[in-house]
C-alpha atoms as a PDB file:
ATOM      1  CA  UNK A   1      10.319   1.159  -6.621  1.00  0.00           C
ATOM      2  CA  UNK A   2       7.574   2.155  -4.231  1.00  0.00           C
ATOM      3  CA  UNK A   3       4.875  -0.258  -3.040  1.00  0.00           C
ATOM      4  CA  UNK A   4       1.589   1.243  -1.810  1.00  0.00           C
ATOM      5  CA  UNK A   5      -0.984  -0.849   0.093  1.00  0.00           C
ATOM      6  CA  UNK A   6      -4.420   0.466   1.007  1.00  0.00           C
ATOM      7  CA  UNK A   7      -5.165  -0.274   4.672  1.00  0.00           C
ATOM      8  CA  UNK A   8      -8.217   1.894   5.437  1.00  0.00           C
ATOM      9  CA  UNK A   9     -11.676   1.037   4.146  1.00  0.00           C
ATOM     10  CA  UNK A  10     -14.180   3.221   2.298  1.00  0.00           C
ATOM     11  CA  UNK A  11     -16.473   4.335   5.132  1.00  0.00           C
ATOM     12  CA  UNK A  12     -16.143   7.917   6.329  1.00  0.00           C
ATOM     13  CA  UNK A  13     -13.497   9.093   3.861  1.00  0.00           C
ATOM     14  CA  UNK A  14     -13.660  12.489   2.212  1.00  0.00           C
ATOM     15  CA  UNK A  15     -14.544  12.598  -1.462  1.00  0.00           C
ATOM     16  CA  UNK A  16     -11.121  13.960  -2.478  1.00  0.00           C
ATOM     17  CA  UNK A  17      -9.322  11.129  -0.657  1.00  0.00           C
ATOM     18  CA  UNK A  18     -11.559   8.508  -2.322  1.00  0.00           C
ATOM     19  CA  UNK A  19     -10.847  10.096  -5.714  1.00  0.00           C
ATOM     20  CA  UNK A  20      -7.078  10.097  -5.115  1.00  0.00           C
ATOM     21  CA  UNK A  21      -7.144   6.441  -4.039  1.00  0.00           C
ATOM     22  CA  UNK A  22      -9.183   5.606  -7.134  1.00  0.00           C
ATOM     23  CA  UNK A  23      -6.720   7.381  -9.437  1.00  0.00           C
ATOM     24  CA  UNK A  24      -3.926   5.290  -7.946  1.00  0.00           C
ATOM     25  CA  UNK A  25      -5.995   2.100  -8.603  1.00  0.00           C
ATOM     26  CA  UNK A  26      -6.400   1.457  -4.855  1.00  0.00           C
ATOM     27  CA  UNK A  27     -10.161   1.007  -4.908  1.00  0.00           C
ATOM     28  CA  UNK A  28     -10.475  -1.794  -2.335  1.00  0.00           C
ATOM     29  CA  UNK A  29      -8.930  -2.605   1.012  1.00  0.00           C
ATOM     30  CA  UNK A  30      -5.616  -4.501   0.811  1.00  0.00           C
ATOM     31  CA  UNK A  31      -5.035  -3.564  -2.829  1.00  0.00           C
ATOM     32  CA  UNK A  32      -1.389  -2.945  -3.703  1.00  0.00           C
ATOM     33  CA  UNK A  33       0.338  -1.124  -6.549  1.00  0.00           C
ATOM     34  CA  UNK A  34       3.991  -0.792  -7.503  1.00  0.00           C
ATOM     35  CA  UNK A  35       5.327   2.471  -8.924  1.00  0.00           C
ATOM     36  CA  UNK A  36       8.684   2.047 -10.685  1.00  0.00           C
ATOM     37  CA  UNK A  37       9.751   5.693 -10.960  1.00  0.00           C
ATOM     38  CA  UNK A  38       7.268   7.959  -9.164  1.00  0.00           C
ATOM     39  CA  UNK A  39       6.689  11.355 -10.716  1.00  0.00           C
ATOM     40  CA  UNK A  40       6.271  14.581  -8.784  1.00  0.00           C
ATOM     41  CA  UNK A  41       2.477  14.319  -9.122  1.00  0.00           C
ATOM     42  CA  UNK A  42       2.394  10.716  -7.893  1.00  0.00           C
ATOM     43  CA  UNK A  43       4.521  11.635  -4.863  1.00  0.00           C
ATOM     44  CA  UNK A  44       2.038  14.431  -4.115  1.00  0.00           C
ATOM     45  CA  UNK A  45      -0.864  11.961  -4.268  1.00  0.00           C
ATOM     46  CA  UNK A  46       0.993   9.565  -1.952  1.00  0.00           C
ATOM     47  CA  UNK A  47       1.602  12.408   0.492  1.00  0.00           C
ATOM     48  CA  UNK A  48      -2.116  13.269   0.406  1.00  0.00           C
ATOM     49  CA  UNK A  49      -3.260   9.725   1.270  1.00  0.00           C
ATOM     50  CA  UNK A  50      -0.432   8.758   3.649  1.00  0.00           C
ATOM     51  CA  UNK A  51      -2.882   8.402   6.581  1.00  0.00           C
ATOM     52  CA  UNK A  52      -4.863   5.697   4.745  1.00  0.00           C
ATOM     53  CA  UNK A  53      -2.125   3.595   3.112  1.00  0.00           C
ATOM     54  CA  UNK A  54       1.153   1.895   3.952  1.00  0.00           C
ATOM     55  CA  UNK A  55       3.999   2.555   1.548  1.00  0.00           C
ATOM     56  CA  UNK A  56       7.731   2.093   1.260  1.00  0.00           C
ATOM     57  CA  UNK A  57      10.628   0.956  -0.879  1.00  0.00           C
ATOM     58  CA  UNK A  58      10.194  -2.604  -2.111  1.00  0.00           C
ATOM     59  CA  UNK A  59      13.113  -4.867  -2.962  1.00  0.00           C
ATOM     60  CA  UNK A  60      13.394  -7.056  -6.077  1.00  0.00           C
ATOM     61  CA  UNK A  61      12.888 -10.346  -4.201  1.00  0.00           C
ATOM     62  CA  UNK A  62       9.505  -9.269  -2.809  1.00  0.00           C
ATOM     63  CA  UNK A  63       8.475  -7.785  -6.172  1.00  0.00           C
ATOM     64  CA  UNK A  64       9.136 -11.125  -7.901  1.00  0.00           C
ATOM     65  CA  UNK A  65       7.070 -12.969  -5.268  1.00  0.00           C
ATOM     66  CA  UNK A  66       4.164 -10.562  -5.834  1.00  0.00           C
ATOM     67  CA  UNK A  67       4.250 -11.181  -9.590  1.00  0.00           C
ATOM     68  CA  UNK A  68       4.398 -14.971  -9.108  1.00  0.00           C
ATOM     69  CA  UNK A  69       1.388 -14.987  -6.749  1.00  0.00           C
ATOM     70  CA  UNK A  70      -0.811 -12.888  -9.045  1.00  0.00           C
ATOM     71  CA  UNK A  71      -3.245 -15.110 -10.920  1.00  0.00           C
ATOM     72  CA  UNK A  72      -4.116 -12.844 -13.850  1.00  0.00           C
ATOM     73  CA  UNK A  73      -1.350 -11.115 -15.760  1.00  0.00           C
ATOM     74  CA  UNK A  74      -3.503  -8.307 -17.144  1.00  0.00           C
ATOM     75  CA  UNK A  75      -4.303  -6.309 -14.014  1.00  0.00           C
ATOM     76  CA  UNK A  76      -1.931  -3.551 -12.978  1.00  0.00           C
ATOM     77  CA  UNK A  77      -2.526  -3.949  -9.228  1.00  0.00           C
ATOM     78  CA  UNK A  78      -2.268  -6.759  -6.699  1.00  0.00           C
ATOM     79  CA  UNK A  79      -4.978  -8.084  -4.347  1.00  0.00           C
ATOM     80  CA  UNK A  80      -3.481  -9.141  -1.020  1.00  0.00           C
ATOM     81  CA  UNK A  81      -4.837 -10.994   2.003  1.00  0.00           C
ATOM     82  CA  UNK A  82      -5.125  -9.335   5.428  1.00  0.00           C
ATOM     83  CA  UNK A  83      -1.740  -9.668   7.175  1.00  0.00           C
ATOM     84  CA  UNK A  84      -1.069 -12.847   9.130  1.00  0.00           C
ATOM     85  CA  UNK A  85      -0.949 -12.192  12.883  1.00  0.00           C
ATOM     86  CA  UNK A  86      -2.943  -9.013  12.242  1.00  0.00           C
ATOM     87  CA  UNK A  87      -2.008  -5.360  12.387  1.00  0.00           C
ATOM     88  CA  UNK A  88      -0.688  -4.179  15.769  1.00  0.00           C
ATOM     89  CA  UNK A  89      -1.903  -0.640  15.349  1.00  0.00           C
ATOM     90  CA  UNK A  90      -2.774   1.359  12.279  1.00  0.00           C
ATOM     91  CA  UNK A  91      -1.515   4.750  13.476  1.00  0.00           C
ATOM     92  CA  UNK A  92       1.913   5.738  14.779  1.00  0.00           C
ATOM     93  CA  UNK A  93       0.783   8.001  17.668  1.00  0.00           C
ATOM     94  CA  UNK A  94       4.322   9.285  18.119  1.00  0.00           C
ATOM     95  CA  UNK A  95       5.843   5.961  19.219  1.00  0.00           C
ATOM     96  CA  UNK A  96       6.595   4.689  15.689  1.00  0.00           C
ATOM     97  CA  UNK A  97       4.284   1.681  15.867  1.00  0.00           C
ATOM     98  CA  UNK A  98       1.686   0.895  13.267  1.00  0.00           C
ATOM     99  CA  UNK A  99       1.639   0.455   9.529  1.00  0.00           C
ATOM    100  CA  UNK A 100       0.093   3.629   8.117  1.00  0.00           C
ATOM    101  CA  UNK A 101       2.447   6.052   6.427  1.00  0.00           C
ATOM    102  CA  UNK A 102       6.002   5.536   5.234  1.00  0.00           C
ATOM    103  CA  UNK A 103       7.344   2.149   6.316  1.00  0.00           C
ATOM    104  CA  UNK A 104      10.580   2.456   4.307  1.00  0.00           C
ATOM    105  CA  UNK A 105      12.121  -1.063   4.135  1.00  0.00           C
ATOM    106  CA  UNK A 106       9.612  -2.674   6.563  1.00  0.00           C
ATOM    107  CA  UNK A 107       7.026  -2.729   3.753  1.00  0.00           C
ATOM    108  CA  UNK A 108       8.741  -5.923   2.511  1.00  0.00           C
ATOM    109  CA  UNK A 109       7.923  -7.721   5.787  1.00  0.00           C
ATOM    110  CA  UNK A 110       4.307  -6.535   5.607  1.00  0.00           C
ATOM    111  CA  UNK A 111       3.910  -7.765   2.023  1.00  0.00           C
ATOM    112  CA  UNK A 112       5.417 -11.147   2.968  1.00  0.00           C
ATOM    113  CA  UNK A 113       2.769 -11.505   5.695  1.00  0.00           C
ATOM    114  CA  UNK A 114       0.006 -10.587   3.231  1.00  0.00           C
ATOM    115  CA  UNK A 115       0.910 -13.042   0.443  1.00  0.00           C
END
């Protein structure tokens, strides 16, 4: 399962990026979606918006916590809080710091801080 969290806001984004985020139901900042088995097209969309979102493989324990915290059962996305203790840096800049892009297993820690 892949978790995708929108980190960047709306201002200054190209129209095609805004449309891709909207198709993935990531319309607001700190919105999160879970994709069980991503298709080839969904992986292409994730690759296109990787500079505006944080994504990675989510484990079952964190997925259950997300479902428990959600107030309404109908929506197919999750609204999260800004991360506790903030975001160190959004971009990697070659030193592998920051949250944007593929976080692999570290996405679980980020989601825990945002619940």
